[in-house]
N, C-alpha and C. Protein backbone atom coordinates (compact mmCIF):
# COMPACT_ATOMS: atom_id res chain seq x y z
N UNK A 1 0.83 -1.19 0.00
CA UNK A 1 0.00 0.00 0.00
C UNK A 1 0.88 1.25 0.00
N UNK A 2 0.58 2.19 -0.85
CA UNK A 2 1.41 3.38 -0.98
C UNK A 2 0.99 4.45 0.04
N UNK A 3 1.91 5.38 0.27
CA UNK A 3 1.62 6.53 1.13
C UNK A 3 2.10 7.79 0.42
N UNK A 4 1.59 8.93 0.91
CA UNK A 4 1.96 10.22 0.32
C UNK A 4 2.63 11.08 1.38
N UNK A 5 3.69 11.76 0.97
CA UNK A 5 4.39 12.70 1.86
C UNK A 5 4.49 14.04 1.16
N UNK A 6 4.05 15.08 1.85
CA UNK A 6 4.23 16.44 1.35
C UNK A 6 5.60 16.93 1.80
N UNK A 7 6.38 17.46 0.86
CA UNK A 7 7.73 17.93 1.17
C UNK A 7 7.76 19.44 0.91
N UNK A 8 8.07 20.19 1.99
CA UNK A 8 8.11 21.64 1.89
C UNK A 8 9.35 22.18 2.59
N UNK A 9 9.64 23.44 2.31
CA UNK A 9 10.76 24.11 2.95
C UNK A 9 10.55 25.61 2.86
N UNK A 10 11.27 26.32 3.68
CA UNK A 10 11.32 27.78 3.57
C UNK A 10 9.93 28.41 3.53
N UNK A 11 9.09 28.02 4.49
CA UNK A 11 7.75 28.59 4.58
C UNK A 11 7.79 30.02 5.15
N UNK A 12 8.79 30.33 5.94
CA UNK A 12 9.02 31.69 6.46
C UNK A 12 7.75 32.32 7.02
N UNK A 13 7.06 31.56 7.87
CA UNK A 13 5.91 32.10 8.58
C UNK A 13 4.59 32.06 7.82
N UNK A 14 4.60 31.50 6.62
CA UNK A 14 3.39 31.50 5.78
C UNK A 14 2.99 30.08 5.42
N UNK A 15 1.73 29.75 5.64
CA UNK A 15 1.16 28.50 5.13
C UNK A 15 -0.02 28.89 4.24
N UNK A 16 0.21 28.86 2.95
CA UNK A 16 -0.81 29.26 1.98
C UNK A 16 -1.94 28.24 1.95
N UNK A 17 -3.17 28.69 1.72
CA UNK A 17 -4.31 27.77 1.65
C UNK A 17 -4.11 26.63 0.66
N UNK A 18 -3.51 26.92 -0.51
CA UNK A 18 -3.29 25.87 -1.51
C UNK A 18 -2.33 24.80 -0.99
N UNK A 19 -1.32 25.23 -0.24
CA UNK A 19 -0.35 24.30 0.33
C UNK A 19 -1.03 23.43 1.39
N UNK A 20 -1.82 24.06 2.23
CA UNK A 20 -2.54 23.31 3.27
C UNK A 20 -3.50 22.29 2.66
N UNK A 21 -4.18 22.67 1.59
CA UNK A 21 -5.10 21.74 0.91
C UNK A 21 -4.36 20.50 0.42
N UNK A 22 -3.18 20.70 -0.14
CA UNK A 22 -2.38 19.57 -0.63
C UNK A 22 -1.87 18.73 0.54
N UNK A 23 -1.37 19.39 1.58
CA UNK A 23 -0.84 18.65 2.73
C UNK A 23 -1.91 17.81 3.42
N UNK A 24 -3.14 18.26 3.37
CA UNK A 24 -4.23 17.49 3.98
C UNK A 24 -4.49 16.17 3.26
N UNK A 25 -3.97 16.02 2.06
CA UNK A 25 -4.10 14.75 1.31
C UNK A 25 -2.92 13.82 1.59
N UNK A 26 -2.00 14.24 2.44
CA UNK A 26 -0.76 13.49 2.68
C UNK A 26 -0.81 12.75 4.02
N UNK A 27 -0.07 11.64 4.07
CA UNK A 27 0.04 10.85 5.30
C UNK A 27 1.15 11.37 6.21
N UNK A 28 2.07 12.15 5.64
CA UNK A 28 3.23 12.64 6.38
C UNK A 28 3.67 13.96 5.77
N UNK A 29 4.28 14.82 6.58
CA UNK A 29 4.83 16.09 6.10
C UNK A 29 6.31 16.13 6.44
N UNK A 30 7.12 16.50 5.46
CA UNK A 30 8.56 16.67 5.64
C UNK A 30 8.87 18.15 5.40
N UNK A 31 9.51 18.79 6.39
CA UNK A 31 9.82 20.23 6.28
C UNK A 31 11.32 20.40 6.46
N UNK A 32 11.97 20.98 5.44
CA UNK A 32 13.42 21.13 5.44
C UNK A 32 13.89 22.46 6.02
N UNK A 33 13.12 23.02 6.94
CA UNK A 33 13.60 24.16 7.71
C UNK A 33 13.23 25.53 7.18
N UNK A 34 13.49 26.53 8.02
CA UNK A 34 13.09 27.92 7.87
C UNK A 34 11.57 28.06 7.98
N UNK A 35 11.07 27.63 9.15
CA UNK A 35 9.68 27.86 9.53
C UNK A 35 9.50 29.35 9.85
N UNK A 36 10.46 29.91 10.57
CA UNK A 36 10.50 31.26 11.11
C UNK A 36 9.71 31.42 12.40
N UNK A 37 8.70 30.59 12.63
CA UNK A 37 7.99 30.64 13.91
C UNK A 37 7.35 29.31 14.22
N UNK A 38 7.13 29.06 15.49
CA UNK A 38 6.62 27.78 15.93
C UNK A 38 5.18 27.51 15.55
N UNK A 39 4.40 28.56 15.27
CA UNK A 39 2.99 28.34 14.92
C UNK A 39 2.84 27.59 13.60
N UNK A 40 3.79 27.77 12.69
CA UNK A 40 3.75 27.02 11.43
C UNK A 40 3.91 25.52 11.71
N UNK A 41 4.87 25.18 12.54
CA UNK A 41 5.08 23.78 12.90
C UNK A 41 3.85 23.21 13.60
N UNK A 42 3.27 23.95 14.52
CA UNK A 42 2.09 23.48 15.23
C UNK A 42 0.92 23.24 14.28
N UNK A 43 0.72 24.14 13.33
CA UNK A 43 -0.37 23.97 12.36
C UNK A 43 -0.15 22.74 11.50
N UNK A 44 1.09 22.51 11.10
CA UNK A 44 1.41 21.31 10.30
C UNK A 44 1.17 20.04 11.10
N UNK A 45 1.54 20.06 12.39
CA UNK A 45 1.37 18.88 13.25
C UNK A 45 -0.10 18.54 13.45
N UNK A 46 -1.00 19.51 13.27
CA UNK A 46 -2.43 19.24 13.35
C UNK A 46 -2.95 18.51 12.11
N UNK A 47 -2.17 18.54 11.03
CA UNK A 47 -2.59 17.91 9.77
C UNK A 47 -2.11 16.47 9.67
N UNK A 48 -0.82 16.25 9.95
CA UNK A 48 -0.21 14.92 9.79
C UNK A 48 1.09 14.90 10.59
N UNK A 49 1.66 13.70 10.81
CA UNK A 49 2.97 13.65 11.46
C UNK A 49 4.00 14.45 10.65
N UNK A 50 4.86 15.17 11.36
CA UNK A 50 5.85 16.04 10.72
C UNK A 50 7.26 15.57 11.08
N UNK A 51 8.11 15.48 10.08
CA UNK A 51 9.54 15.28 10.27
C UNK A 51 10.20 16.56 9.78
N UNK A 52 11.03 17.18 10.62
CA UNK A 52 11.56 18.50 10.30
C UNK A 52 12.96 18.71 10.83
N UNK A 53 13.66 19.61 10.18
CA UNK A 53 14.96 20.09 10.65
C UNK A 53 14.88 21.60 10.82
N UNK A 54 15.84 22.12 11.55
CA UNK A 54 15.94 23.55 11.82
C UNK A 54 16.67 24.24 10.67
N UNK A 55 16.12 25.38 10.25
CA UNK A 55 16.78 26.19 9.22
C UNK A 55 17.58 27.31 9.84
N UNK A 56 18.28 28.06 9.02
CA UNK A 56 19.12 29.14 9.53
C UNK A 56 18.30 30.30 10.10
N UNK A 57 17.00 30.37 9.83
CA UNK A 57 16.14 31.40 10.41
C UNK A 57 15.33 30.88 11.61
N UNK A 58 15.54 29.64 11.98
CA UNK A 58 14.84 29.03 13.11
C UNK A 58 15.74 29.05 14.34
N UNK A 59 15.87 30.21 14.95
CA UNK A 59 16.83 30.35 16.05
C UNK A 59 16.18 30.62 17.39
N UNK A 60 14.85 30.80 17.41
CA UNK A 60 14.17 31.04 18.69
C UNK A 60 14.11 29.76 19.52
N UNK A 61 13.72 29.90 20.78
CA UNK A 61 13.71 28.76 21.69
C UNK A 61 12.82 27.62 21.22
N UNK A 62 11.70 27.92 20.55
CA UNK A 62 10.81 26.85 20.09
C UNK A 62 11.54 25.90 19.14
N UNK A 63 12.53 26.40 18.39
CA UNK A 63 13.22 25.59 17.38
C UNK A 63 14.31 24.71 17.96
N UNK A 64 14.62 24.87 19.25
CA UNK A 64 15.73 24.11 19.83
C UNK A 64 15.48 22.60 19.81
N UNK A 65 14.23 22.18 19.72
CA UNK A 65 13.94 20.73 19.66
C UNK A 65 14.17 20.14 18.27
N UNK A 66 14.36 21.00 17.27
CA UNK A 66 14.58 20.51 15.91
C UNK A 66 16.07 20.29 15.65
N UNK A 67 16.43 19.13 15.09
CA UNK A 67 17.85 18.90 14.77
C UNK A 67 18.25 19.67 13.52
N UNK A 68 19.52 19.84 13.34
CA UNK A 68 20.03 20.48 12.12
C UNK A 68 20.14 19.48 10.97
N UNK A 69 20.33 18.22 11.32
CA UNK A 69 20.42 17.16 10.32
C UNK A 69 19.72 15.95 10.90
N UNK A 70 19.05 15.18 10.04
CA UNK A 70 18.25 14.06 10.52
C UNK A 70 18.22 12.95 9.48
N UNK A 71 18.37 11.71 9.94
CA UNK A 71 18.17 10.54 9.10
C UNK A 71 16.95 9.81 9.64
N UNK A 72 16.04 9.43 8.74
CA UNK A 72 14.77 8.82 9.14
C UNK A 72 14.29 7.91 8.03
N UNK A 73 13.26 7.14 8.32
CA UNK A 73 12.68 6.24 7.33
C UNK A 73 11.21 6.59 7.14
N UNK A 74 10.80 6.69 5.90
CA UNK A 74 9.41 6.94 5.54
C UNK A 74 8.92 5.79 4.69
N UNK A 75 7.99 5.03 5.17
CA UNK A 75 7.39 3.93 4.42
C UNK A 75 8.44 3.06 3.71
N UNK A 76 9.48 2.69 4.46
CA UNK A 76 10.52 1.81 3.93
C UNK A 76 11.61 2.51 3.13
N UNK A 77 11.54 3.83 3.00
CA UNK A 77 12.54 4.60 2.26
C UNK A 77 13.43 5.32 3.27
N UNK A 78 14.75 5.03 3.23
CA UNK A 78 15.69 5.70 4.13
C UNK A 78 16.00 7.09 3.57
N UNK A 79 15.83 8.10 4.43
CA UNK A 79 15.98 9.50 4.03
C UNK A 79 16.96 10.20 4.94
N UNK A 80 17.57 11.24 4.44
CA UNK A 80 18.35 12.14 5.27
C UNK A 80 17.99 13.56 4.86
N UNK A 81 18.07 14.49 5.82
CA UNK A 81 17.65 15.85 5.54
C UNK A 81 18.47 16.85 6.35
N UNK A 82 18.75 17.98 5.71
CA UNK A 82 19.36 19.14 6.36
C UNK A 82 18.83 20.37 5.63
N UNK A 83 18.84 21.50 6.29
CA UNK A 83 18.32 22.71 5.63
C UNK A 83 19.21 23.10 4.45
N UNK A 84 20.50 23.14 4.67
CA UNK A 84 21.44 23.52 3.61
C UNK A 84 22.05 22.26 3.01
N UNK A 85 22.16 22.23 1.71
CA UNK A 85 22.72 21.06 1.03
C UNK A 85 24.12 20.73 1.54
N UNK A 86 24.91 21.75 1.81
CA UNK A 86 26.29 21.50 2.26
C UNK A 86 26.34 20.90 3.66
N UNK A 87 25.22 20.92 4.38
CA UNK A 87 25.18 20.33 5.72
C UNK A 87 24.69 18.88 5.73
N UNK A 88 24.37 18.35 4.57
CA UNK A 88 23.94 16.95 4.48
C UNK A 88 25.10 16.06 4.90
N UNK A 89 24.81 15.06 5.70
CA UNK A 89 25.84 14.13 6.16
C UNK A 89 26.53 13.46 4.98
N UNK A 90 27.81 13.19 5.13
CA UNK A 90 28.56 12.48 4.10
C UNK A 90 28.27 10.98 4.15
N UNK A 91 27.73 10.51 5.25
CA UNK A 91 27.40 9.09 5.39
C UNK A 91 26.01 8.85 4.79
N UNK A 92 25.99 8.47 3.53
CA UNK A 92 24.73 8.26 2.82
C UNK A 92 24.48 6.78 2.54
N UNK A 93 25.15 5.92 3.28
CA UNK A 93 24.99 4.49 3.07
C UNK A 93 23.54 4.09 3.29
N UNK A 94 22.94 3.50 2.27
CA UNK A 94 21.56 3.03 2.33
C UNK A 94 20.52 4.11 2.13
N UNK A 95 20.93 5.38 2.04
CA UNK A 95 19.98 6.48 1.87
C UNK A 95 19.48 6.51 0.43
N UNK A 96 18.15 6.57 0.29
CA UNK A 96 17.52 6.64 -1.03
C UNK A 96 17.07 8.06 -1.39
N UNK A 97 16.85 8.89 -0.36
CA UNK A 97 16.32 10.23 -0.58
C UNK A 97 17.06 11.24 0.30
N UNK A 98 17.55 12.31 -0.32
CA UNK A 98 18.19 13.41 0.39
C UNK A 98 17.32 14.64 0.18
N UNK A 99 16.87 15.24 1.29
CA UNK A 99 16.01 16.43 1.23
C UNK A 99 16.77 17.61 1.82
N UNK A 100 16.68 18.75 1.15
CA UNK A 100 17.31 19.97 1.65
C UNK A 100 16.51 21.16 1.15
N UNK A 101 16.80 22.33 1.66
CA UNK A 101 16.09 23.55 1.27
C UNK A 101 17.06 24.70 1.10
N UNK A 102 16.72 25.84 1.67
CA UNK A 102 17.56 27.03 1.79
C UNK A 102 17.64 27.90 0.53
N UNK A 103 17.79 27.31 -0.64
CA UNK A 103 18.01 28.12 -1.85
C UNK A 103 16.72 28.70 -2.43
N UNK A 104 15.57 28.21 -1.98
CA UNK A 104 14.27 28.63 -2.51
C UNK A 104 14.10 28.23 -3.97
N UNK A 105 14.89 27.31 -4.44
CA UNK A 105 14.83 26.88 -5.84
C UNK A 105 14.62 25.37 -5.90
N UNK A 106 13.59 24.97 -6.64
CA UNK A 106 13.27 23.55 -6.77
C UNK A 106 14.43 22.83 -7.45
N UNK A 107 14.76 21.65 -6.92
CA UNK A 107 15.83 20.83 -7.48
C UNK A 107 15.44 19.37 -7.27
N UNK A 108 15.51 18.60 -8.33
CA UNK A 108 15.21 17.17 -8.27
C UNK A 108 16.15 16.45 -9.24
N UNK A 109 17.01 15.62 -8.68
CA UNK A 109 17.96 14.89 -9.54
C UNK A 109 18.39 13.60 -8.87
N UNK A 110 18.51 12.56 -9.65
CA UNK A 110 19.05 11.30 -9.15
C UNK A 110 20.56 11.32 -9.36
N UNK A 111 21.29 11.19 -8.25
CA UNK A 111 22.75 11.22 -8.28
C UNK A 111 23.24 9.97 -7.57
N UNK A 112 24.01 9.15 -8.27
CA UNK A 112 24.55 7.91 -7.72
C UNK A 112 23.46 7.05 -7.09
N UNK A 113 22.33 6.94 -7.79
CA UNK A 113 21.28 6.04 -7.35
C UNK A 113 20.37 6.56 -6.25
N UNK A 114 20.55 7.80 -5.83
CA UNK A 114 19.65 8.33 -4.80
C UNK A 114 19.05 9.65 -5.29
N UNK A 115 17.86 9.93 -4.82
CA UNK A 115 17.14 11.14 -5.21
C UNK A 115 17.53 12.30 -4.30
N UNK A 116 17.97 13.39 -4.89
CA UNK A 116 18.26 14.64 -4.17
C UNK A 116 17.11 15.58 -4.49
N UNK A 117 16.46 16.11 -3.45
CA UNK A 117 15.26 16.91 -3.64
C UNK A 117 15.27 18.16 -2.78
N UNK A 118 15.12 19.29 -3.42
CA UNK A 118 14.86 20.56 -2.75
C UNK A 118 13.47 20.98 -3.23
N UNK A 119 12.48 21.01 -2.34
CA UNK A 119 11.13 21.36 -2.77
C UNK A 119 10.95 22.83 -3.11
N UNK A 120 11.98 23.64 -2.92
CA UNK A 120 11.87 25.08 -3.14
C UNK A 120 11.17 25.73 -1.96
N UNK A 121 10.59 26.87 -2.17
CA UNK A 121 9.89 27.61 -1.13
C UNK A 121 8.41 27.70 -1.48
N UNK A 122 7.55 27.49 -0.47
CA UNK A 122 6.11 27.68 -0.69
C UNK A 122 5.59 28.77 0.23
N UNK A 123 6.49 29.60 0.74
CA UNK A 123 6.11 30.72 1.61
C UNK A 123 6.05 32.01 0.82
N UNK A 124 6.98 32.90 1.10
CA UNK A 124 7.04 34.17 0.37
C UNK A 124 7.82 34.01 -0.92
N UNK A 125 7.39 34.64 -2.01
CA UNK A 125 8.22 34.62 -3.22
C UNK A 125 9.46 35.49 -2.97
N UNK A 126 10.62 34.89 -3.13
CA UNK A 126 11.87 35.61 -2.90
C UNK A 126 12.82 35.32 -4.05
N UNK A 127 13.74 36.20 -4.26
CA UNK A 127 14.79 36.02 -5.26
C UNK A 127 14.20 35.80 -6.66
N UNK A 128 12.98 36.29 -6.89
CA UNK A 128 12.31 36.15 -8.19
C UNK A 128 12.13 34.68 -8.61
N UNK A 129 11.97 33.82 -7.62
CA UNK A 129 11.79 32.40 -7.91
C UNK A 129 10.33 32.03 -7.69
N UNK A 130 9.89 31.00 -8.41
CA UNK A 130 8.52 30.54 -8.25
C UNK A 130 8.35 29.84 -6.91
N UNK A 131 7.10 29.71 -6.49
CA UNK A 131 6.77 29.00 -5.26
C UNK A 131 6.48 27.54 -5.62
N UNK A 132 7.12 26.63 -4.90
CA UNK A 132 6.99 25.22 -5.22
C UNK A 132 7.00 24.37 -3.95
N UNK A 133 6.54 23.15 -4.11
CA UNK A 133 6.64 22.11 -3.11
C UNK A 133 6.65 20.79 -3.86
N UNK A 134 6.75 19.67 -3.15
CA UNK A 134 6.73 18.37 -3.80
C UNK A 134 5.82 17.43 -3.02
N UNK A 135 5.25 16.48 -3.73
CA UNK A 135 4.49 15.41 -3.10
C UNK A 135 5.12 14.10 -3.55
N UNK A 136 5.50 13.28 -2.57
CA UNK A 136 6.10 11.98 -2.85
C UNK A 136 5.03 10.90 -2.70
N UNK A 137 5.04 9.96 -3.61
CA UNK A 137 4.27 8.73 -3.44
C UNK A 137 5.29 7.65 -3.17
N UNK A 138 5.17 7.00 -2.02
CA UNK A 138 6.10 5.96 -1.59
C UNK A 138 5.38 4.63 -1.63
N UNK A 139 5.98 3.69 -2.34
CA UNK A 139 5.33 2.39 -2.50
C UNK A 139 6.40 1.30 -2.61
N UNK A 140 6.48 0.47 -1.59
CA UNK A 140 7.42 -0.64 -1.61
C UNK A 140 8.87 -0.22 -1.81
N UNK A 141 9.27 0.88 -1.20
CA UNK A 141 10.64 1.36 -1.32
C UNK A 141 10.89 2.19 -2.58
N UNK A 142 9.89 2.34 -3.41
CA UNK A 142 10.01 3.17 -4.62
C UNK A 142 9.48 4.57 -4.34
N UNK A 143 10.07 5.56 -5.02
CA UNK A 143 9.71 6.96 -4.80
C UNK A 143 9.26 7.58 -6.12
N UNK A 144 8.07 8.13 -6.13
CA UNK A 144 7.61 8.94 -7.26
C UNK A 144 7.47 10.37 -6.76
N UNK A 145 7.94 11.32 -7.56
CA UNK A 145 7.92 12.73 -7.14
C UNK A 145 7.00 13.52 -8.06
N UNK A 146 6.18 14.35 -7.45
CA UNK A 146 5.35 15.29 -8.20
C UNK A 146 5.74 16.69 -7.76
N UNK A 147 6.23 17.48 -8.69
CA UNK A 147 6.49 18.89 -8.39
C UNK A 147 5.15 19.63 -8.42
N UNK A 148 4.95 20.50 -7.44
CA UNK A 148 3.72 21.28 -7.37
C UNK A 148 4.10 22.76 -7.41
N UNK A 149 3.58 23.47 -8.40
CA UNK A 149 3.79 24.91 -8.51
C UNK A 149 2.63 25.62 -7.82
N UNK A 150 2.96 26.59 -6.98
CA UNK A 150 1.98 27.36 -6.21
C UNK A 150 1.92 28.76 -6.78
N UNK A 151 0.70 29.24 -7.02
CA UNK A 151 0.55 30.61 -7.52
C UNK A 151 0.75 31.60 -6.38
N UNK A 152 1.57 32.63 -6.60
CA UNK A 152 1.81 33.62 -5.54
C UNK A 152 0.57 34.46 -5.25
């Protein structure tokens, strides 16, 4: 049986209605940091289980419970995540999915047999980049990715 995971990053205090509608269809939410405030995390936790890391703008006391780097398993898929790509652990043994954020630019590429994914930003439009997120369908250790473009 497959599951769906919404992958977001760089929300910067904003949860757009379109993003929330998509996340409500997901079994899990993955956030690659830069919430900017704890209320965003709390709202996400009301929708589905959340796996998250701390971004460079998450420095208040509420964010202290979030790790800077995390390795976890989602529906049989071993994942690792950090806010900045350069902070991803070098130990990628068995990892099938690497999630990162920070650049506000969508990136999806298979490198050496593993998927590297930056869902972009679905918060404020910054750096003249589009707003994006991703939805993963996980089935038997396989990963399908859907890029989702959000209208500003």
